[in-house]
Amino acid sequence: MTDQDSVAAVQALLFDYIEKFNSGDFTAAAASYHFPFSWIIGTGIATAFTAEDFITRMHAMRDGLLAQGFERSELVACTVRMLGADAALAGVEVVRHFGDGRETETTGGTYTVHHDGAQWRLANIIGHPIEAIVGRGGAD
């Protein structure tokens, strides 16, 4: 697989994940994750050790957003930096849309992505300001 093929596969993985998040299909989404999977956001870190734990956490996260008027997420940018044949960083910019007329919310993060010999899988995410996304000057 060429770097260009790998970049395209990682981007497709993330666009597919956003669609699964929007539909609430975390059972299907879990197949795209390597466990344990950790979210590093601010001073906190949370880890899902199993697919079942991941599914529970993701439903709770989505339910919390729905309670705040969340309608859908949109992946507006995904920049991939290959770290070798089996590892990459994927910087993402996601816009959250709300159905209650509230202004959209933009979040950023960087995923560590690993090819396990069969497919690319998400290994962890670090939430951070958009300016620090790979390819925007902060992580290059």
C-alpha atoms as a PDB file:
ATOM      1  CA  MET A   1       0.000   0.000   0.000  1.00  0.00           C
ATOM      2  CA  THR A   2       1.431   3.395  -0.955  1.00  0.00           C
ATOM      3  CA  ASP A   3       1.426   6.381   1.382  1.00  0.00           C
ATOM      4  CA  GLN A   4      -1.215   7.959  -0.850  1.00  0.00           C
ATOM      5  CA  ASP A   5      -3.417   4.851  -0.501  1.00  0.00           C
ATOM      6  CA  SER A   6      -2.896   4.856   3.265  1.00  0.00           C
ATOM      7  CA  VAL A   7      -3.783   8.553   3.556  1.00  0.00           C
ATOM      8  CA  ALA A   8      -6.983   7.950   1.565  1.00  0.00           C
ATOM      9  CA  ALA A   9      -7.859   4.920   3.726  1.00  0.00           C
ATOM     10  CA  VAL A  10      -7.356   6.862   6.984  1.00  0.00           C
ATOM     11  CA  GLN A  11      -9.458   9.756   5.702  1.00  0.00           C
ATOM     12  CA  ALA A  12     -12.212   7.346   4.625  1.00  0.00           C
ATOM     13  CA  LEU A  13     -12.102   5.719   8.073  1.00  0.00           C
ATOM     14  CA  LEU A  14     -12.693   9.058   9.774  1.00  0.00           C
ATOM     15  CA  PHE A  15     -15.453  10.204   7.420  1.00  0.00           C
ATOM     16  CA  ASP A  16     -17.145   6.813   7.922  1.00  0.00           C
ATOM     17  CA  TYR A  17     -16.813   7.120  11.701  1.00  0.00           C
ATOM     18  CA  ILE A  18     -18.537  10.535  11.691  1.00  0.00           C
ATOM     19  CA  GLU A  19     -21.470   9.043   9.789  1.00  0.00           C
ATOM     20  CA  LYS A  20     -21.699   6.215  12.328  1.00  0.00           C
ATOM     21  CA  PHE A  21     -21.547   8.757  15.162  1.00  0.00           C
ATOM     22  CA  ASN A  22     -24.366  10.758  13.593  1.00  0.00           C
ATOM     23  CA  SER A  23     -26.518   7.629  13.291  1.00  0.00           C
ATOM     24  CA  GLY A  24     -25.581   6.375  16.772  1.00  0.00           C
ATOM     25  CA  ASP A  25     -24.261   3.081  15.345  1.00  0.00           C
ATOM     26  CA  PHE A  26     -21.453   2.561  17.833  1.00  0.00           C
ATOM     27  CA  THR A  27     -21.530  -1.214  17.504  1.00  0.00           C
ATOM     28  CA  ALA A  28     -20.401  -0.824  13.875  1.00  0.00           C
ATOM     29  CA  ALA A  29     -18.029   2.025  14.801  1.00  0.00           C
ATOM     30  CA  ALA A  30     -16.260  -0.140  17.391  1.00  0.00           C
ATOM     31  CA  ALA A  31     -14.795  -2.279  14.597  1.00  0.00           C
ATOM     32  CA  SER A  32     -12.743   0.768  13.524  1.00  0.00           C
ATOM     33  CA  TYR A  33     -11.105   1.176  16.938  1.00  0.00           C
ATOM     34  CA  HIS A  34      -8.127  -0.462  18.608  1.00  0.00           C
ATOM     35  CA  PHE A  35      -8.774  -1.225  22.266  1.00  0.00           C
ATOM     36  CA  PRO A  36      -7.855   0.038  24.715  1.00  0.00           C
ATOM     37  CA  PHE A  37      -8.767   3.434  23.212  1.00  0.00           C
ATOM     38  CA  SER A  38      -8.119   6.689  25.088  1.00  0.00           C
ATOM     39  CA  TRP A  39      -9.581  10.177  24.832  1.00  0.00           C
ATOM     40  CA  ILE A  40      -7.143  12.846  26.064  1.00  0.00           C
ATOM     41  CA  ILE A  41      -9.105  16.067  26.501  1.00  0.00           C
ATOM     42  CA  GLY A  42      -7.672  18.933  28.544  1.00  0.00           C
ATOM     43  CA  THR A  43      -6.425  17.625  31.869  1.00  0.00           C
ATOM     44  CA  GLY A  44      -8.581  14.506  31.656  1.00  0.00           C
ATOM     45  CA  ILE A  45      -8.059  11.111  30.124  1.00  0.00           C
ATOM     46  CA  ALA A  46     -10.635   8.371  29.703  1.00  0.00           C
ATOM     47  CA  THR A  47     -10.016   4.902  28.367  1.00  0.00           C
ATOM     48  CA  ALA A  48     -12.351   2.276  26.922  1.00  0.00           C
ATOM     49  CA  PHE A  49     -10.774  -1.122  27.455  1.00  0.00           C
ATOM     50  CA  THR A  50     -13.308  -3.144  25.459  1.00  0.00           C
ATOM     51  CA  ALA A  51     -15.717  -2.618  22.580  1.00  0.00           C
ATOM     52  CA  GLU A  52     -18.613  -2.861  25.044  1.00  0.00           C
ATOM     53  CA  ASP A  53     -17.101  -0.116  27.218  1.00  0.00           C
ATOM     54  CA  PHE A  54     -16.546   2.032  24.104  1.00  0.00           C
ATOM     55  CA  ILE A  55     -20.163   1.588  22.971  1.00  0.00           C
ATOM     56  CA  THR A  56     -21.465   2.575  26.419  1.00  0.00           C
ATOM     57  CA  ARG A  57     -19.212   5.661  26.582  1.00  0.00           C
ATOM     58  CA  MET A  58     -20.097   6.773  23.048  1.00  0.00           C
ATOM     59  CA  HIS A  59     -23.841   6.447  23.669  1.00  0.00           C
ATOM     60  CA  ALA A  60     -23.456   8.536  26.839  1.00  0.00           C
ATOM     61  CA  MET A  61     -21.444  11.175  24.941  1.00  0.00           C
ATOM     62  CA  ARG A  62     -23.945  11.354  22.089  1.00  0.00           C
ATOM     63  CA  ASP A  63     -26.928  11.377  24.469  1.00  0.00           C
ATOM     64  CA  GLY A  64     -25.356  14.320  26.317  1.00  0.00           C
ATOM     65  CA  LEU A  65     -24.959  16.215  23.043  1.00  0.00           C
ATOM     66  CA  LEU A  66     -28.541  15.383  21.999  1.00  0.00           C
ATOM     67  CA  ALA A  67     -29.769  16.803  25.309  1.00  0.00           C
ATOM     68  CA  GLN A  68     -27.967  20.049  24.375  1.00  0.00           C
ATOM     69  CA  GLY A  69     -29.776  20.279  21.014  1.00  0.00           C
ATOM     70  CA  PHE A  70     -27.115  18.487  18.957  1.00  0.00           C
ATOM     71  CA  GLU A  71     -28.271  17.545  15.468  1.00  0.00           C
ATOM     72  CA  ARG A  72     -25.178  16.194  13.659  1.00  0.00           C
ATOM     73  CA  SER A  73     -21.412  16.421  13.286  1.00  0.00           C
ATOM     74  CA  GLU A  74     -19.643  17.280  10.066  1.00  0.00           C
ATOM     75  CA  LEU A  75     -16.001  16.415   9.388  1.00  0.00           C
ATOM     76  CA  VAL A  76     -14.806  19.487   7.487  1.00  0.00           C
ATOM     77  CA  ALA A  77     -11.073  18.749   7.389  1.00  0.00           C
ATOM     78  CA  CYS A  78      -8.885  15.672   7.825  1.00  0.00           C
ATOM     79  CA  THR A  79      -5.138  15.980   7.363  1.00  0.00           C
ATOM     80  CA  VAL A  80      -3.087  12.791   7.569  1.00  0.00           C
ATOM     81  CA  ARG A  81       0.613  12.662   8.318  1.00  0.00           C
ATOM     82  CA  MET A  82       2.156   9.240   7.789  1.00  0.00           C
ATOM     83  CA  LEU A  83       4.622   8.152  10.492  1.00  0.00           C
ATOM     84  CA  GLY A  84       5.593   4.945   8.703  1.00  0.00           C
ATOM     85  CA  ALA A  85       3.823   2.156   6.872  1.00  0.00           C
ATOM     86  CA  ASP A  86       1.618   1.252   9.858  1.00  0.00           C
ATOM     87  CA  ALA A  87       1.139   4.491  11.812  1.00  0.00           C
ATOM     88  CA  ALA A  88      -0.277   7.929  11.122  1.00  0.00           C
ATOM     89  CA  LEU A  89      -1.540  11.079  12.774  1.00  0.00           C
ATOM     90  CA  ALA A  90      -4.905  12.345  11.552  1.00  0.00           C
ATOM     91  CA  GLY A  91      -5.783  15.925  12.406  1.00  0.00           C
ATOM     92  CA  VAL A  92      -9.529  16.541  12.264  1.00  0.00           C
ATOM     93  CA  GLU A  93     -11.748  19.584  12.338  1.00  0.00           C
ATOM     94  CA  VAL A  94     -15.352  18.764  13.219  1.00  0.00           C
ATOM     95  CA  VAL A  95     -18.311  21.125  13.181  1.00  0.00           C
ATOM     96  CA  ARG A  96     -21.227  20.291  15.453  1.00  0.00           C
ATOM     97  CA  HIS A  97     -24.608  21.473  14.213  1.00  0.00           C
ATOM     98  CA  PHE A  98     -27.480  22.124  16.614  1.00  0.00           C
ATOM     99  CA  GLY A  99     -31.182  22.022  15.801  1.00  0.00           C
ATOM    100  CA  ASP A 100     -32.183  24.735  18.226  1.00  0.00           C
ATOM    101  CA  GLY A 101     -30.739  27.607  16.182  1.00  0.00           C
ATOM    102  CA  ARG A 102     -27.590  27.811  18.267  1.00  0.00           C
ATOM    103  CA  GLU A 103     -24.373  28.720  16.482  1.00  0.00           C
ATOM    104  CA  THR A 104     -22.282  25.796  15.273  1.00  0.00           C
ATOM    105  CA  GLU A 105     -19.389  24.601  17.415  1.00  0.00           C
ATOM    106  CA  THR A 106     -16.033  23.658  15.906  1.00  0.00           C
ATOM    107  CA  THR A 107     -13.705  21.222  17.636  1.00  0.00           C
ATOM    108  CA  GLY A 108     -10.290  19.893  16.757  1.00  0.00           C
ATOM    109  CA  GLY A 109      -8.243  16.866  17.563  1.00  0.00           C
ATOM    110  CA  THR A 110      -5.548  14.501  16.462  1.00  0.00           C
ATOM    111  CA  TYR A 111      -6.044  10.752  16.221  1.00  0.00           C
ATOM    112  CA  THR A 112      -3.236   8.246  16.345  1.00  0.00           C
ATOM    113  CA  VAL A 113      -4.119   5.662  13.701  1.00  0.00           C
ATOM    114  CA  HIS A 114      -2.584   2.193  13.410  1.00  0.00           C
ATOM    115  CA  HIS A 115      -2.660  -0.397  10.629  1.00  0.00           C
ATOM    116  CA  ASP A 116      -2.946  -3.782  12.338  1.00  0.00           C
ATOM    117  CA  GLY A 117      -2.122  -5.864   9.257  1.00  0.00           C
ATOM    118  CA  ALA A 118      -5.764  -6.067   8.207  1.00  0.00           C
ATOM    119  CA  GLN A 119      -7.106  -2.515   8.429  1.00  0.00           C
ATOM    120  CA  TRP A 120      -6.527   0.955   9.803  1.00  0.00           C
ATOM    121  CA  ARG A 121      -7.900   1.469  13.325  1.00  0.00           C
ATOM    122  CA  LEU A 122      -8.162   4.487  15.595  1.00  0.00           C
ATOM    123  CA  ALA A 123      -5.874   4.087  18.624  1.00  0.00           C
ATOM    124  CA  ASN A 124      -6.465   7.319  20.598  1.00  0.00           C
ATOM    125  CA  ILE A 125      -7.465  10.953  20.243  1.00  0.00           C
ATOM    126  CA  ILE A 126      -6.089  14.148  21.704  1.00  0.00           C
ATOM    127  CA  GLY A 127      -8.537  17.051  21.748  1.00  0.00           C
ATOM    128  CA  HIS A 128      -6.875  20.426  21.206  1.00  0.00           C
ATOM    129  CA  PRO A 129      -7.324  23.821  19.565  1.00  0.00           C
ATOM    130  CA  ILE A 130      -7.823  23.767  15.812  1.00  0.00           C
ATOM    131  CA  GLU A 131      -4.614  25.756  15.304  1.00  0.00           C
ATOM    132  CA  ALA A 132      -2.607  22.753  16.536  1.00  0.00           C
ATOM    133  CA  ILE A 133      -4.006  20.291  13.976  1.00  0.00           C
ATOM    134  CA  VAL A 134      -1.473  18.412  11.879  1.00  0.00           C
ATOM    135  CA  GLY A 135      -0.833  20.366   8.690  1.00  0.00           C
ATOM    136  CA  ARG A 136      -1.895  23.700  10.178  1.00  0.00           C
ATOM    137  CA  GLY A 137       1.522  24.476  11.628  1.00  0.00           C
ATOM    138  CA  GLY A 138       1.053  23.135  15.143  1.00  0.00           C
ATOM    139  CA  ALA A 139       2.156  19.524  14.740  1.00  0.00           C
ATOM    140  CA  ASP A 140       4.443  19.660  11.708  1.00  0.00           C
END
